[in-house]
């Protein structure tokens, strides 16, 4: 049942428009979903978010596209810096 909650989160983040340009190896929904779950589980820095995503990569792969693996700390930080509130 928990997977369906996270599948819904992934679906909802997939509805956010993609404004990144250039090299986009990781879908925006994947980056956002991983970051939200990591923060909900106690991550409090970009390093912690990336480490959590690496540790839980098999679980994330059950419902997120991960063709290029887990985003780096720099990718998480860069994506969130590009989000316009």
N, C-alpha and C. Protein backbone atom coordinates (compact mmCIF):
# COMPACT_ATOMS: atom_id res chain seq x y z
N UNK A 1 0.81 -1.20 0.00
CA UNK A 1 0.00 0.00 0.00
C UNK A 1 0.86 1.26 0.00
N UNK A 2 1.96 1.26 0.73
CA UNK A 2 2.82 2.44 0.78
C UNK A 2 3.35 2.80 -0.60
N UNK A 3 3.66 1.81 -1.42
CA UNK A 3 4.17 2.10 -2.76
C UNK A 3 3.16 2.90 -3.55
N UNK A 4 1.86 2.65 -3.38
CA UNK A 4 0.87 3.38 -4.15
C UNK A 4 0.85 4.86 -3.77
N UNK A 5 1.12 5.18 -2.51
CA UNK A 5 1.20 6.58 -2.08
C UNK A 5 2.35 7.26 -2.81
N UNK A 6 3.48 6.58 -2.89
CA UNK A 6 4.64 7.17 -3.55
C UNK A 6 4.48 7.19 -5.06
N UNK A 7 3.76 6.23 -5.60
CA UNK A 7 3.44 6.27 -7.03
C UNK A 7 2.57 7.49 -7.33
N UNK A 8 1.65 7.80 -6.45
CA UNK A 8 0.81 9.00 -6.62
C UNK A 8 1.65 10.27 -6.51
N UNK A 9 2.58 10.30 -5.57
CA UNK A 9 3.48 11.45 -5.45
C UNK A 9 4.29 11.61 -6.74
N UNK A 10 4.80 10.52 -7.28
CA UNK A 10 5.55 10.58 -8.54
C UNK A 10 4.67 11.08 -9.68
N UNK A 11 3.41 10.64 -9.71
CA UNK A 11 2.48 11.09 -10.75
C UNK A 11 2.23 12.59 -10.62
N UNK A 12 2.03 13.05 -9.39
CA UNK A 12 1.74 14.47 -9.17
C UNK A 12 2.94 15.34 -9.51
N UNK A 13 4.15 14.92 -9.15
CA UNK A 13 5.32 15.73 -9.48
C UNK A 13 5.57 15.72 -10.98
N UNK A 14 5.10 14.69 -11.66
CA UNK A 14 5.22 14.62 -13.11
C UNK A 14 4.36 15.65 -13.82
N UNK A 15 3.41 16.24 -13.11
CA UNK A 15 2.53 17.25 -13.69
C UNK A 15 3.15 18.64 -13.67
N UNK A 16 4.29 18.81 -12.98
CA UNK A 16 4.99 20.10 -12.92
C UNK A 16 5.73 20.29 -14.23
N UNK A 17 5.59 21.47 -14.81
CA UNK A 17 6.21 21.70 -16.12
C UNK A 17 7.73 21.74 -16.01
N UNK A 18 8.36 21.22 -17.02
CA UNK A 18 9.82 21.10 -17.10
C UNK A 18 10.39 22.37 -17.71
N UNK A 19 11.20 23.11 -16.94
CA UNK A 19 11.79 24.35 -17.43
C UNK A 19 13.30 24.27 -17.56
N UNK A 20 13.86 23.10 -17.29
CA UNK A 20 15.32 22.98 -17.38
C UNK A 20 15.73 22.93 -18.84
N UNK A 21 16.91 23.47 -19.11
CA UNK A 21 17.47 23.42 -20.46
C UNK A 21 18.76 22.61 -20.43
N UNK A 22 19.19 22.20 -21.58
CA UNK A 22 20.47 21.51 -21.68
C UNK A 22 20.39 20.05 -21.28
N UNK A 23 21.39 19.61 -20.57
CA UNK A 23 21.52 18.20 -20.19
C UNK A 23 20.50 17.84 -19.12
N UNK A 24 19.55 16.98 -19.48
CA UNK A 24 18.52 16.54 -18.53
C UNK A 24 18.52 15.01 -18.49
N UNK A 25 19.37 14.44 -17.72
CA UNK A 25 19.47 12.99 -17.63
C UNK A 25 18.39 12.39 -16.75
N UNK A 26 17.94 13.14 -15.77
CA UNK A 26 16.97 12.64 -14.79
C UNK A 26 15.65 13.40 -14.95
N UNK A 27 14.55 12.67 -15.11
CA UNK A 27 13.25 13.34 -15.21
C UNK A 27 12.98 14.19 -13.97
N UNK A 28 12.36 15.33 -14.17
CA UNK A 28 12.06 16.23 -13.06
C UNK A 28 11.25 15.52 -11.98
N UNK A 29 10.27 14.73 -12.36
CA UNK A 29 9.44 14.01 -11.38
C UNK A 29 10.29 13.08 -10.52
N UNK A 30 11.31 12.47 -11.10
CA UNK A 30 12.19 11.58 -10.34
C UNK A 30 12.97 12.37 -9.31
N UNK A 31 13.55 13.49 -9.71
CA UNK A 31 14.35 14.31 -8.80
C UNK A 31 13.48 14.84 -7.67
N UNK A 32 12.32 15.37 -8.01
CA UNK A 32 11.43 15.94 -6.99
C UNK A 32 10.92 14.87 -6.02
N UNK A 33 10.51 13.73 -6.55
CA UNK A 33 9.97 12.67 -5.69
C UNK A 33 11.05 12.16 -4.74
N UNK A 34 12.24 11.91 -5.25
CA UNK A 34 13.32 11.44 -4.39
C UNK A 34 13.62 12.45 -3.28
N UNK A 35 13.65 13.72 -3.63
CA UNK A 35 13.97 14.75 -2.64
C UNK A 35 12.88 14.86 -1.58
N UNK A 36 11.62 14.83 -1.99
CA UNK A 36 10.52 14.93 -1.04
C UNK A 36 10.55 13.75 -0.07
N UNK A 37 10.71 12.55 -0.59
CA UNK A 37 10.75 11.37 0.27
C UNK A 37 11.94 11.44 1.21
N UNK A 38 13.10 11.84 0.70
CA UNK A 38 14.30 11.94 1.55
C UNK A 38 14.09 12.94 2.69
N UNK A 39 13.51 14.08 2.39
CA UNK A 39 13.26 15.09 3.42
C UNK A 39 12.25 14.57 4.44
N UNK A 40 11.20 13.90 3.97
CA UNK A 40 10.23 13.32 4.89
C UNK A 40 10.87 12.29 5.82
N UNK A 41 11.95 11.68 5.36
CA UNK A 41 12.66 10.67 6.15
C UNK A 41 13.82 11.26 6.95
N UNK A 42 13.94 12.58 6.95
CA UNK A 42 14.93 13.24 7.81
C UNK A 42 16.13 13.86 7.13
N UNK A 43 16.24 13.78 5.81
CA UNK A 43 17.38 14.40 5.12
C UNK A 43 17.31 15.92 5.30
N UNK A 44 18.44 16.52 5.64
CA UNK A 44 18.46 17.96 5.90
C UNK A 44 19.54 18.70 5.13
N UNK A 45 20.08 18.05 4.10
CA UNK A 45 21.06 18.71 3.23
C UNK A 45 21.02 18.01 1.88
N UNK A 46 21.62 18.63 0.87
CA UNK A 46 21.65 17.99 -0.45
C UNK A 46 22.45 16.69 -0.41
N UNK A 47 23.52 16.68 0.38
CA UNK A 47 24.28 15.43 0.54
C UNK A 47 23.42 14.34 1.14
N UNK A 48 22.64 14.69 2.15
CA UNK A 48 21.76 13.71 2.80
C UNK A 48 20.69 13.21 1.83
N UNK A 49 20.15 14.11 1.00
CA UNK A 49 19.15 13.72 0.01
C UNK A 49 19.77 12.72 -0.98
N UNK A 50 20.93 13.04 -1.50
CA UNK A 50 21.59 12.17 -2.48
C UNK A 50 21.97 10.82 -1.85
N UNK A 51 22.47 10.85 -0.62
CA UNK A 51 22.82 9.60 0.07
C UNK A 51 21.59 8.74 0.29
N UNK A 52 20.50 9.35 0.73
CA UNK A 52 19.25 8.60 0.94
C UNK A 52 18.80 7.96 -0.37
N UNK A 53 18.84 8.74 -1.45
CA UNK A 53 18.40 8.22 -2.75
C UNK A 53 19.28 7.04 -3.20
N UNK A 54 20.58 7.14 -2.95
CA UNK A 54 21.49 6.03 -3.30
C UNK A 54 21.18 4.78 -2.48
N UNK A 55 20.96 4.96 -1.19
CA UNK A 55 20.68 3.83 -0.31
C UNK A 55 19.36 3.15 -0.70
N UNK A 56 18.38 3.96 -1.07
CA UNK A 56 17.04 3.44 -1.38
C UNK A 56 16.79 3.28 -2.89
N UNK A 57 17.83 3.25 -3.70
CA UNK A 57 17.67 3.24 -5.15
C UNK A 57 16.83 2.06 -5.66
N UNK A 58 16.99 0.91 -5.08
CA UNK A 58 16.19 -0.25 -5.54
C UNK A 58 14.71 -0.02 -5.28
N UNK A 59 14.40 0.55 -4.15
CA UNK A 59 13.00 0.84 -3.83
C UNK A 59 12.45 1.91 -4.77
N UNK A 60 13.20 2.99 -4.99
CA UNK A 60 12.76 4.04 -5.92
C UNK A 60 12.53 3.48 -7.32
N UNK A 61 13.38 2.55 -7.72
CA UNK A 61 13.28 1.97 -9.07
C UNK A 61 11.99 1.20 -9.28
N UNK A 62 11.29 0.87 -8.21
CA UNK A 62 10.01 0.17 -8.35
C UNK A 62 8.94 1.05 -8.99
N UNK A 63 9.08 2.39 -8.85
CA UNK A 63 8.04 3.27 -9.38
C UNK A 63 8.54 4.54 -10.04
N UNK A 64 9.85 4.72 -10.15
CA UNK A 64 10.41 5.90 -10.81
C UNK A 64 11.33 5.47 -11.95
N UNK A 65 11.32 6.23 -13.06
CA UNK A 65 12.30 5.94 -14.12
C UNK A 65 13.70 6.33 -13.65
N UNK A 66 14.63 5.40 -13.74
CA UNK A 66 16.00 5.66 -13.27
C UNK A 66 17.02 5.16 -14.28
N UNK A 67 16.81 5.49 -15.53
CA UNK A 67 17.69 5.04 -16.61
C UNK A 67 19.15 5.40 -16.34
N UNK A 68 19.38 6.56 -15.74
CA UNK A 68 20.75 7.02 -15.49
C UNK A 68 21.13 6.94 -14.02
N UNK A 69 20.43 6.12 -13.26
CA UNK A 69 20.77 5.95 -11.85
C UNK A 69 20.24 7.07 -10.98
N UNK A 70 20.90 7.27 -9.87
CA UNK A 70 20.49 8.27 -8.88
C UNK A 70 21.15 9.61 -9.20
N UNK A 71 20.39 10.70 -9.14
CA UNK A 71 20.99 12.03 -9.36
C UNK A 71 22.05 12.33 -8.29
N UNK A 72 23.01 13.14 -8.65
CA UNK A 72 24.05 13.55 -7.71
C UNK A 72 23.54 14.66 -6.80
N UNK A 73 24.33 14.94 -5.78
CA UNK A 73 24.01 16.06 -4.89
C UNK A 73 23.89 17.35 -5.67
N UNK A 74 24.80 17.55 -6.62
CA UNK A 74 24.79 18.77 -7.42
C UNK A 74 23.51 18.86 -8.26
N UNK A 75 23.04 17.72 -8.76
CA UNK A 75 21.82 17.73 -9.56
C UNK A 75 20.62 18.11 -8.71
N UNK A 76 20.49 17.53 -7.53
CA UNK A 76 19.38 17.90 -6.65
C UNK A 76 19.42 19.40 -6.37
N UNK A 77 20.59 19.90 -6.01
CA UNK A 77 20.72 21.32 -5.68
C UNK A 77 20.39 22.20 -6.88
N UNK A 78 20.92 21.87 -8.04
CA UNK A 78 20.71 22.67 -9.25
C UNK A 78 19.23 22.70 -9.63
N UNK A 79 18.56 21.55 -9.58
CA UNK A 79 17.15 21.49 -9.95
C UNK A 79 16.32 22.36 -9.02
N UNK A 80 16.56 22.27 -7.72
CA UNK A 80 15.77 23.07 -6.79
C UNK A 80 16.08 24.56 -6.88
N UNK A 81 17.30 24.91 -7.27
CA UNK A 81 17.62 26.33 -7.49
C UNK A 81 16.90 26.90 -8.71
N UNK A 82 16.54 26.04 -9.64
CA UNK A 82 15.85 26.49 -10.86
C UNK A 82 14.33 26.62 -10.68
N UNK A 83 13.80 26.09 -9.60
CA UNK A 83 12.35 26.16 -9.37
C UNK A 83 11.97 27.58 -9.01
N UNK A 84 11.01 28.12 -9.74
CA UNK A 84 10.52 29.46 -9.48
C UNK A 84 9.24 29.34 -8.66
N UNK A 85 9.23 29.91 -7.44
CA UNK A 85 8.03 29.81 -6.60
C UNK A 85 6.83 30.53 -7.18
